[in-house]
Amino acid sequence: MDFHASDIRDPGLKTLFMDCESVIHLAFVVGRPYGMSLQEAASINLSGTWNTCRVAAEAGVHTLVISSSVAAYGSLRDNPVPLIEEHPLRGLLN
């Protein structure tokens, strides 16, 4: 396993992924640092994840693992707003 420090929004990740069988994407802004705007956090979390998925597919990566709170809580119509950590974990398949 190799670890690389990169900006997940960089389209150049495709070159890094070219010979990878699997990619594990764990790069998320969870506790937004003081001074980081909401827009930057969203850019990293949303655009970065989209870019990572896209370039992994383009590079022929066979397995992409993404860890996310969406996978724990599920993106379900009956989730309360706001969804808090005490809400039961239901995952994506429920």
PDB file of N, CA and C in Angstrom:
ATOM      1  N   MET A   1       0.846  -1.150   0.000  1.00  0.00           N
ATOM      2  CA  MET A   1       0.000   0.000   0.000  1.00  0.00           C
ATOM      3  C   MET A   1       0.904   1.229   0.000  1.00  0.00           C
ATOM      4  N   ASP A   2       0.558   2.190  -0.849  1.00  0.00           N
ATOM      5  CA  ASP A   2       1.284   3.455  -0.922  1.00  0.00           C
ATOM      6  C   ASP A   2       0.346   4.577  -0.500  1.00  0.00           C
ATOM      7  N   PHE A   3       0.895   5.548   0.220  1.00  0.00           N
ATOM      8  CA  PHE A   3       0.141   6.720   0.629  1.00  0.00           C
ATOM      9  C   PHE A   3       0.675   7.931  -0.125  1.00  0.00           C
ATOM     10  N   HIS A   4      -0.231   8.774  -0.609  1.00  0.00           N
ATOM     11  CA  HIS A   4       0.167   9.964  -1.354  1.00  0.00           C
ATOM     12  C   HIS A   4      -0.599  11.170  -0.825  1.00  0.00           C
ATOM     13  N   ALA A   5       0.124  12.231  -0.531  1.00  0.00           N
ATOM     14  CA  ALA A   5      -0.509  13.486  -0.122  1.00  0.00           C
ATOM     15  C   ALA A   5      -0.761  14.305  -1.378  1.00  0.00           C
ATOM     16  N   SER A   6      -2.021  14.496  -1.713  1.00  0.00           N
ATOM     17  CA  SER A   6      -2.402  15.211  -2.923  1.00  0.00           C
ATOM     18  C   SER A   6      -3.704  15.950  -2.677  1.00  0.00           C
ATOM     19  N   ASP A   7      -3.991  16.909  -3.528  1.00  0.00           N
ATOM     20  CA  ASP A   7      -5.282  17.585  -3.507  1.00  0.00           C
ATOM     21  C   ASP A   7      -6.241  16.720  -4.314  1.00  0.00           C
ATOM     22  N   ILE A   8      -7.290  16.222  -3.674  1.00  0.00           N
ATOM     23  CA  ILE A   8      -8.199  15.307  -4.363  1.00  0.00           C
ATOM     24  C   ILE A   8      -9.002  15.986  -5.471  1.00  0.00           C
ATOM     25  N   ARG A   9      -8.895  17.288  -5.567  1.00  0.00           N
ATOM     26  CA  ARG A   9      -9.571  18.011  -6.649  1.00  0.00           C
ATOM     27  C   ARG A   9      -8.714  18.079  -7.905  1.00  0.00           C
ATOM     28  N   ASP A  10      -7.476  17.620  -7.825  1.00  0.00           N
ATOM     29  CA  ASP A  10      -6.522  17.705  -8.935  1.00  0.00           C
ATOM     30  C   ASP A  10      -6.815  16.638  -9.991  1.00  0.00           C
ATOM     31  N   PRO A  11      -7.139  17.045 -11.231  1.00  0.00           N
ATOM     32  CA  PRO A  11      -7.372  16.056 -12.287  1.00  0.00           C
ATOM     33  C   PRO A  11      -6.145  15.187 -12.560  1.00  0.00           C
ATOM     34  N   GLY A  12      -4.963  15.654 -12.139  1.00  0.00           N
ATOM     35  CA  GLY A  12      -3.730  14.897 -12.322  1.00  0.00           C
ATOM     36  C   GLY A  12      -3.658  13.625 -11.497  1.00  0.00           C
ATOM     37  N   LEU A  13      -4.627  13.421 -10.595  1.00  0.00           N
ATOM     38  CA  LEU A  13      -4.665  12.171  -9.845  1.00  0.00           C
ATOM     39  C   LEU A  13      -4.789  10.971 -10.770  1.00  0.00           C
ATOM     40  N   LYS A  14      -5.336  11.181 -11.939  1.00  0.00           N
ATOM     41  CA  LYS A  14      -5.490  10.082 -12.892  1.00  0.00           C
ATOM     42  C   LYS A  14      -4.148   9.423 -13.159  1.00  0.00           C
ATOM     43  N   THR A  15      -3.101  10.208 -13.311  1.00  0.00           N
ATOM     44  CA  THR A  15      -1.767   9.670 -13.555  1.00  0.00           C
ATOM     45  C   THR A  15      -1.320   8.832 -12.363  1.00  0.00           C
ATOM     46  N   LEU A  16      -1.579   9.301 -11.159  1.00  0.00           N
ATOM     47  CA  LEU A  16      -1.231   8.571  -9.943  1.00  0.00           C
ATOM     48  C   LEU A  16      -1.981   7.244  -9.861  1.00  0.00           C
ATOM     49  N   PHE A  17      -3.212   7.220 -10.337  1.00  0.00           N
ATOM     50  CA  PHE A  17      -4.055   6.028 -10.232  1.00  0.00           C
ATOM     51  C   PHE A  17      -3.861   5.018 -11.356  1.00  0.00           C
ATOM     52  N   MET A  18      -3.093   5.356 -12.368  1.00  0.00           N
ATOM     53  CA  MET A  18      -2.997   4.527 -13.579  1.00  0.00           C
ATOM     54  C   MET A  18      -2.645   3.064 -13.315  1.00  0.00           C
ATOM     55  N   ASP A  19      -1.779   2.774 -12.404  1.00  0.00           N
ATOM     56  CA  ASP A  19      -1.388   1.389 -12.153  1.00  0.00           C
ATOM     57  C   ASP A  19      -1.979   0.828 -10.867  1.00  0.00           C
ATOM     58  N   CYS A  20      -3.008   1.482 -10.355  1.00  0.00           N
ATOM     59  CA  CYS A  20      -3.619   1.033  -9.104  1.00  0.00           C
ATOM     60  C   CYS A  20      -4.762   0.060  -9.372  1.00  0.00           C
ATOM     61  N   GLU A  21      -4.798  -0.981  -8.582  1.00  0.00           N
ATOM     62  CA  GLU A  21      -5.929  -1.901  -8.636  1.00  0.00           C
ATOM     63  C   GLU A  21      -7.062  -1.380  -7.752  1.00  0.00           C
ATOM     64  N   SER A  22      -6.672  -0.750  -6.624  1.00  0.00           N
ATOM     65  CA  SER A  22      -7.647  -0.235  -5.664  1.00  0.00           C
ATOM     66  C   SER A  22      -7.240   1.152  -5.191  1.00  0.00           C
ATOM     67  N   VAL A  23      -8.246   1.966  -4.882  1.00  0.00           N
ATOM     68  CA  VAL A  23      -8.027   3.285  -4.295  1.00  0.00           C
ATOM     69  C   VAL A  23      -8.935   3.385  -3.074  1.00  0.00           C
ATOM     70  N   ILE A  24      -8.360   3.853  -1.965  1.00  0.00           N
ATOM     71  CA  ILE A  24      -9.134   4.079  -0.748  1.00  0.00           C
ATOM     72  C   ILE A  24      -9.188   5.583  -0.529  1.00  0.00           C
ATOM     73  N   HIS A  25     -10.376   6.143  -0.629  1.00  0.00           N
ATOM     74  CA  HIS A  25     -10.576   7.596  -0.524  1.00  0.00           C
ATOM     75  C   HIS A  25     -11.068   7.927   0.887  1.00  0.00           C
ATOM     76  N   LEU A  26     -10.203   8.578   1.664  1.00  0.00           N
ATOM     77  CA  LEU A  26     -10.550   8.958   3.031  1.00  0.00           C
ATOM     78  C   LEU A  26     -10.362  10.454   3.256  1.00  0.00           C
ATOM     79  N   ALA A  27     -10.200  11.205   2.196  1.00  0.00           N
ATOM     80  CA  ALA A  27      -9.875  12.635   2.307  1.00  0.00           C
ATOM     81  C   ALA A  27     -11.148  13.470   2.365  1.00  0.00           C
ATOM     82  N   PHE A  28     -11.557  13.808   3.566  1.00  0.00           N
ATOM     83  CA  PHE A  28     -12.736  14.631   3.768  1.00  0.00           C
ATOM     84  C   PHE A  28     -12.445  15.678   4.823  1.00  0.00           C
ATOM     85  N   VAL A  29     -13.078  16.819   4.708  1.00  0.00           N
ATOM     86  CA  VAL A  29     -13.047  17.818   5.773  1.00  0.00           C
ATOM     87  C   VAL A  29     -14.210  17.473   6.695  1.00  0.00           C
ATOM     88  N   VAL A  30     -13.896  17.019   7.900  1.00  0.00           N
ATOM     89  CA  VAL A  30     -14.941  16.632   8.841  1.00  0.00           C
ATOM     90  C   VAL A  30     -15.149  17.754   9.856  1.00  0.00           C
ATOM     91  N   GLY A  31     -14.116  18.136  10.535  1.00  0.00           N
ATOM     92  CA  GLY A  31     -14.172  19.267  11.458  1.00  0.00           C
ATOM     93  C   GLY A  31     -13.494  20.443  10.786  1.00  0.00           C
ATOM     94  N   ARG A  32     -14.278  21.314  10.193  1.00  0.00           N
ATOM     95  CA  ARG A  32     -13.731  22.414   9.383  1.00  0.00           C
ATOM     96  C   ARG A  32     -12.792  23.270  10.233  1.00  0.00           C
ATOM     97  N   PRO A  33     -11.522  23.386   9.801  1.00  0.00           N
ATOM     98  CA  PRO A  33     -10.555  24.198  10.543  1.00  0.00           C
ATOM     99  C   PRO A  33     -10.945  25.678  10.570  1.00  0.00           C
ATOM    100  N   TYR A  34     -10.562  26.338  11.644  1.00  0.00           N
ATOM    101  CA  TYR A  34     -10.780  27.778  11.750  1.00  0.00           C
ATOM    102  C   TYR A  34     -10.155  28.449  10.537  1.00  0.00           C
ATOM    103  N   GLY A  35     -10.891  29.325   9.909  1.00  0.00           N
ATOM    104  CA  GLY A  35     -10.376  30.044   8.751  1.00  0.00           C
ATOM    105  C   GLY A  35     -10.700  29.389   7.411  1.00  0.00           C
ATOM    106  N   MET A  36     -11.166  28.138   7.415  1.00  0.00           N
ATOM    107  CA  MET A  36     -11.558  27.497   6.156  1.00  0.00           C
ATOM    108  C   MET A  36     -13.016  27.833   5.885  1.00  0.00           C
ATOM    109  N   SER A  37     -13.276  28.358   4.715  1.00  0.00           N
ATOM    110  CA  SER A  37     -14.651  28.730   4.372  1.00  0.00           C
ATOM    111  C   SER A  37     -15.501  27.485   4.109  1.00  0.00           C
ATOM    112  N   LEU A  38     -16.802  27.660   4.236  1.00  0.00           N
ATOM    113  CA  LEU A  38     -17.718  26.570   3.886  1.00  0.00           C
ATOM    114  C   LEU A  38     -17.566  26.176   2.425  1.00  0.00           C
ATOM    115  N   GLN A  39     -17.313  27.169   1.571  1.00  0.00           N
ATOM    116  CA  GLN A  39     -17.153  26.901   0.151  1.00  0.00           C
ATOM    117  C   GLN A  39     -15.934  26.012  -0.117  1.00  0.00           C
ATOM    118  N   GLU A  40     -14.830  26.276   0.586  1.00  0.00           N
ATOM    119  CA  GLU A  40     -13.635  25.455   0.390  1.00  0.00           C
ATOM    120  C   GLU A  40     -13.860  24.035   0.901  1.00  0.00           C
ATOM    121  N   ALA A  41     -14.499  23.922   2.071  1.00  0.00           N
ATOM    122  CA  ALA A  41     -14.798  22.596   2.613  1.00  0.00           C
ATOM    123  C   ALA A  41     -15.699  21.818   1.658  1.00  0.00           C
ATOM    124  N   ALA A  42     -16.714  22.470   1.110  1.00  0.00           N
ATOM    125  CA  ALA A  42     -17.610  21.817   0.151  1.00  0.00           C
ATOM    126  C   ALA A  42     -16.861  21.441  -1.122  1.00  0.00           C
ATOM    127  N   SER A  43     -15.969  22.289  -1.556  1.00  0.00           N
ATOM    128  CA  SER A  43     -15.180  21.994  -2.754  1.00  0.00           C
ATOM    129  C   SER A  43     -14.341  20.736  -2.551  1.00  0.00           C
ATOM    130  N   ILE A  44     -13.720  20.631  -1.385  1.00  0.00           N
ATOM    131  CA  ILE A  44     -12.913  19.447  -1.094  1.00  0.00           C
ATOM    132  C   ILE A  44     -13.804  18.215  -0.986  1.00  0.00           C
ATOM    133  N   ASN A  45     -14.859  18.313  -0.184  1.00  0.00           N
ATOM    134  CA  ASN A  45     -15.715  17.148   0.063  1.00  0.00           C
ATOM    135  C   ASN A  45     -16.502  16.712  -1.161  1.00  0.00           C
ATOM    136  N   LEU A  46     -17.100  17.650  -1.857  1.00  0.00           N
ATOM    137  CA  LEU A  46     -17.963  17.302  -2.989  1.00  0.00           C
ATOM    138  C   LEU A  46     -17.191  17.206  -4.301  1.00  0.00           C
ATOM    139  N   SER A  47     -16.534  18.284  -4.684  1.00  0.00           N
ATOM    140  CA  SER A  47     -15.785  18.271  -5.946  1.00  0.00           C
ATOM    141  C   SER A  47     -14.625  17.291  -5.889  1.00  0.00           C
ATOM    142  N   GLY A  48     -13.978  17.232  -4.724  1.00  0.00           N
ATOM    143  CA  GLY A  48     -12.854  16.315  -4.576  1.00  0.00           C
ATOM    144  C   GLY A  48     -13.269  14.864  -4.675  1.00  0.00           C
ATOM    145  N   THR A  49     -14.385  14.522  -4.051  1.00  0.00           N
ATOM    146  CA  THR A  49     -14.871  13.143  -4.137  1.00  0.00           C
ATOM    147  C   THR A  49     -15.300  12.821  -5.563  1.00  0.00           C
ATOM    148  N   TRP A  50     -16.009  13.733  -6.198  1.00  0.00           N
ATOM    149  CA  TRP A  50     -16.414  13.522  -7.589  1.00  0.00           C
ATOM    150  C   TRP A  50     -15.190  13.321  -8.474  1.00  0.00           C
ATOM    151  N   ASN A  51     -14.172  14.168  -8.312  1.00  0.00           N
ATOM    152  CA  ASN A  51     -12.947  14.051  -9.101  1.00  0.00           C
ATOM    153  C   ASN A  51     -12.261  12.719  -8.846  1.00  0.00           C
ATOM    154  N   THR A  52     -12.165  12.321  -7.581  1.00  0.00           N
ATOM    155  CA  THR A  52     -11.515  11.059  -7.237  1.00  0.00           C
ATOM    156  C   THR A  52     -12.223   9.888  -7.911  1.00  0.00           C
ATOM    157  N   CYS A  53     -13.538   9.875  -7.861  1.00  0.00           N
ATOM    158  CA  CYS A  53     -14.309   8.804  -8.505  1.00  0.00           C
ATOM    159  C   CYS A  53     -14.115   8.811 -10.019  1.00  0.00           C
ATOM    160  N   ARG A  54     -14.197   9.990 -10.602  1.00  0.00           N
ATOM    161  CA  ARG A  54     -14.069  10.108 -12.064  1.00  0.00           C
ATOM    162  C   ARG A  54     -12.700   9.646 -12.545  1.00  0.00           C
ATOM    163  N   VAL A  55     -11.631  10.161 -11.937  1.00  0.00           N
ATOM    164  CA  VAL A  55     -10.295   9.816 -12.428  1.00  0.00           C
ATOM    165  C   VAL A  55      -9.945   8.362 -12.112  1.00  0.00           C
ATOM    166  N   ALA A  56     -10.491   7.807 -11.021  1.00  0.00           N
ATOM    167  CA  ALA A  56     -10.270   6.390 -10.731  1.00  0.00           C
ATOM    168  C   ALA A  56     -10.900   5.534 -11.830  1.00  0.00           C
ATOM    169  N   ALA A  57     -12.113   5.888 -12.248  1.00  0.00           N
ATOM    170  CA  ALA A  57     -12.773   5.150 -13.333  1.00  0.00           C
ATOM    171  C   ALA A  57     -11.996   5.297 -14.634  1.00  0.00           C
ATOM    172  N   GLU A  58     -11.573   6.509 -14.940  1.00  0.00           N
ATOM    173  CA  GLU A  58     -10.815   6.755 -16.168  1.00  0.00           C
ATOM    174  C   GLU A  58      -9.475   6.017 -16.167  1.00  0.00           C
ATOM    175  N   ALA A  59      -8.884   5.841 -14.990  1.00  0.00           N
ATOM    176  CA  ALA A  59      -7.591   5.165 -14.886  1.00  0.00           C
ATOM    177  C   ALA A  59      -7.730   3.644 -14.853  1.00  0.00           C
ATOM    178  N   GLY A  60      -8.967   3.153 -14.811  1.00  0.00           N
ATOM    179  CA  GLY A  60      -9.195   1.711 -14.814  1.00  0.00           C
ATOM    180  C   GLY A  60      -9.045   1.052 -13.455  1.00  0.00           C
ATOM    181  N   VAL A  61      -9.202   1.837 -12.391  1.00  0.00           N
ATOM    182  CA  VAL A  61      -9.134   1.277 -11.037  1.00  0.00           C
ATOM    183  C   VAL A  61     -10.288   0.289 -10.860  1.00  0.00           C
ATOM    184  N   HIS A  62      -9.976  -0.905 -10.340  1.00  0.00           N
ATOM    185  CA  HIS A  62     -11.000  -1.943 -10.186  1.00  0.00           C
ATOM    186  C   HIS A  62     -11.849  -1.765  -8.934  1.00  0.00           C
ATOM    187  N   THR A  63     -11.253  -1.256  -7.860  1.00  0.00           N
ATOM    188  CA  THR A  63     -11.971  -1.126  -6.595  1.00  0.00           C
ATOM    189  C   THR A  63     -11.750   0.267  -6.030  1.00  0.00           C
ATOM    190  N   LEU A  64     -12.847   0.948  -5.704  1.00  0.00           N
ATOM    191  CA  LEU A  64     -12.782   2.259  -5.070  1.00  0.00           C
ATOM    192  C   LEU A  64     -13.543   2.165  -3.754  1.00  0.00           C
ATOM    193  N   VAL A  65     -12.840   2.412  -2.650  1.00  0.00           N
ATOM    194  CA  VAL A  65     -13.440   2.372  -1.321  1.00  0.00           C
ATOM    195  C   VAL A  65     -13.574   3.808  -0.833  1.00  0.00           C
ATOM    196  N   ILE A  66     -14.779   4.188  -0.402  1.00  0.00           N
ATOM    197  CA  ILE A  66     -15.033   5.534   0.112  1.00  0.00           C
ATOM    198  C   ILE A  66     -15.653   5.394   1.490  1.00  0.00           C
ATOM    199  N   SER A  67     -15.064   6.063   2.459  1.00  0.00           N
ATOM    200  CA  SER A  67     -15.623   6.084   3.807  1.00  0.00           C
ATOM    201  C   SER A  67     -16.322   7.421   3.993  1.00  0.00           C
ATOM    202  N   SER A  68     -17.577   7.377   4.386  1.00  0.00           N
ATOM    203  CA  SER A  68     -18.359   8.598   4.493  1.00  0.00           C
ATOM    204  C   SER A  68     -19.474   8.410   5.510  1.00  0.00           C
ATOM    205  N   SER A  69     -19.894   9.506   6.162  1.00  0.00           N
ATOM    206  CA  SER A  69     -21.018   9.413   7.080  1.00  0.00           C
ATOM    207  C   SER A  69     -22.308   9.065   6.338  1.00  0.00           C
ATOM    208  N   VAL A  70     -22.373   9.351   5.042  1.00  0.00           N
ATOM    209  CA  VAL A  70     -23.546   8.961   4.259  1.00  0.00           C
ATOM    210  C   VAL A  70     -23.679   7.450   4.270  1.00  0.00           C
ATOM    211  N   ALA A  71     -22.536   6.751   4.203  1.00  0.00           N
ATOM    212  CA  ALA A  71     -22.574   5.294   4.234  1.00  0.00           C
ATOM    213  C   ALA A  71     -23.057   4.779   5.580  1.00  0.00           C
ATOM    214  N   ALA A  72     -22.853   5.545   6.646  1.00  0.00           N
ATOM    215  CA  ALA A  72     -23.283   5.122   7.979  1.00  0.00           C
ATOM    216  C   ALA A  72     -24.752   5.447   8.230  1.00  0.00           C
ATOM    217  N   TYR A  73     -25.161   6.670   7.897  1.00  0.00           N
ATOM    218  CA  TYR A  73     -26.512   7.116   8.212  1.00  0.00           C
ATOM    219  C   TYR A  73     -27.503   6.870   7.080  1.00  0.00           C
ATOM    220  N   GLY A  74     -27.018   6.751   5.880  1.00  0.00           N
ATOM    221  CA  GLY A  74     -27.883   6.560   4.734  1.00  0.00           C
ATOM    222  C   GLY A  74     -28.469   7.874   4.249  1.00  0.00           C
ATOM    223  N   SER A  75     -28.700   7.950   2.978  1.00  0.00           N
ATOM    224  CA  SER A  75     -29.325   9.124   2.383  1.00  0.00           C
ATOM    225  C   SER A  75     -30.789   8.763   2.144  1.00  0.00           C
ATOM    226  N   LEU A  76     -31.558   8.857   3.214  1.00  0.00           N
ATOM    227  CA  LEU A  76     -32.919   8.345   3.183  1.00  0.00           C
ATOM    228  C   LEU A  76     -33.935   9.462   3.368  1.00  0.00           C
ATOM    229  N   ARG A  77     -35.058   9.340   2.693  1.00  0.00           N
ATOM    230  CA  ARG A  77     -36.092  10.385   2.712  1.00  0.00           C
ATOM    231  C   ARG A  77     -36.622  10.678   4.111  1.00  0.00           C
ATOM    232  N   ASP A  78     -36.646   9.671   4.977  1.00  0.00           N
ATOM    233  CA  ASP A  78     -37.234   9.891   6.289  1.00  0.00           C
ATOM    234  C   ASP A  78     -36.203  10.286   7.357  1.00  0.00           C
ATOM    235  N   ASN A  79     -34.969  10.597   6.960  1.00  0.00           N
ATOM    236  CA  ASN A  79     -33.993  11.101   7.922  1.00  0.00           C
ATOM    237  C   ASN A  79     -34.469  12.448   8.455  1.00  0.00           C
ATOM    238  N   PRO A  80     -34.271  12.682   9.752  1.00  0.00           N
ATOM    239  CA  PRO A  80     -34.662  13.977  10.311  1.00  0.00           C
ATOM    240  C   PRO A  80     -33.708  15.080   9.844  1.00  0.00           C
ATOM    241  N   VAL A  81     -34.185  16.311   9.889  1.00  0.00           N
ATOM    242  CA  VAL A  81     -33.360  17.470   9.562  1.00  0.00           C
ATOM    243  C   VAL A  81     -33.342  18.361  10.796  1.00  0.00           C
ATOM    244  N   PRO A  82     -32.198  18.610  11.398  1.00  0.00           N
ATOM    245  CA  PRO A  82     -30.887  18.118  10.977  1.00  0.00           C
ATOM    246  C   PRO A  82     -30.664  16.679  11.442  1.00  0.00           C
ATOM    247  N   LEU A  83     -29.804  15.968  10.747  1.00  0.00           N
ATOM    248  CA  LEU A  83     -29.420  14.616  11.104  1.00  0.00           C
ATOM    249  C   LEU A  83     -28.252  14.722  12.083  1.00  0.00           C
ATOM    250  N   ILE A  84     -28.420  14.187  13.283  1.00  0.00           N
ATOM    251  CA  ILE A  84     -27.379  14.298  14.305  1.00  0.00           C
ATOM    252  C   ILE A  84     -26.738  12.940  14.557  1.00  0.00           C
ATOM    253  N   GLU A  85     -25.591  12.950  15.208  1.00  0.00           N
ATOM    254  CA  GLU A  85     -24.835  11.724  15.423  1.00  0.00           C
ATOM    255  C   GLU A  85     -25.587  10.679  16.239  1.00  0.00           C
ATOM    256  N   GLU A  86     -26.535  11.100  17.053  1.00  0.00           N
ATOM    257  CA  GLU A  86     -27.293  10.155  17.862  1.00  0.00           C
ATOM    258  C   GLU A  86     -28.355   9.399  17.058  1.00  0.00           C
ATOM    259  N   HIS A  87     -28.596   9.826  15.819  1.00  0.00           N
ATOM    260  CA  HIS A  87     -29.569   9.159  14.957  1.00  0.00           C
ATOM    261  C   HIS A  87     -29.090   7.741  14.675  1.00  0.00           C
ATOM    262  N   PRO A  88     -29.981   6.750  14.629  1.00  0.00           N
ATOM    263  CA  PRO A  88     -29.558   5.363  14.357  1.00  0.00           C
ATOM    264  C   PRO A  88     -28.843   5.242  13.004  1.00  0.00           C
ATOM    265  N   LEU A  89     -27.812   4.429  12.983  1.00  0.00           N
ATOM    266  CA  LEU A  89     -27.093   4.144  11.743  1.00  0.00           C
ATOM    267  C   LEU A  89     -27.917   3.161  10.924  1.00  0.00           C
ATOM    268  N   ARG A  90     -28.165   3.520   9.657  1.00  0.00           N
ATOM    269  CA  ARG A  90     -28.994   2.660   8.817  1.00  0.00           C
ATOM    270  C   ARG A  90     -28.338   2.320   7.499  1.00  0.00           C
ATOM    271  N   GLY A  91     -27.271   2.973   7.143  1.00  0.00           N
ATOM    272  CA  GLY A  91     -26.552   2.639   5.925  1.00  0.00           C
ATOM    273  C   GLY A  91     -27.292   2.980   4.663  1.00  0.00           C
ATOM    274  N   LEU A  92     -26.694   2.618   3.551  1.00  0.00           N
ATOM    275  CA  LEU A  92     -27.254   2.956   2.240  1.00  0.00           C
ATOM    276  C   LEU A  92     -28.306   1.964   1.765  1.00  0.00           C
ATOM    277  N   LEU A  93     -28.341   0.789   2.350  1.00  0.00           N
ATOM    278  CA  LEU A  93     -29.213  -0.255   1.829  1.00  0.00           C
ATOM    279  C   LEU A  93     -30.554  -0.318   2.522  1.00  0.00           C
ATOM    280  N   ASN A  94     -30.790   0.485   3.528  1.00  0.00           N
ATOM    281  CA  ASN A  94     -32.055   0.441   4.253  1.00  0.00           C
ATOM    282  C   ASN A  94     -33.064   1.387   3.679  1.00  0.00           C
TER     283      ASN A  94
END
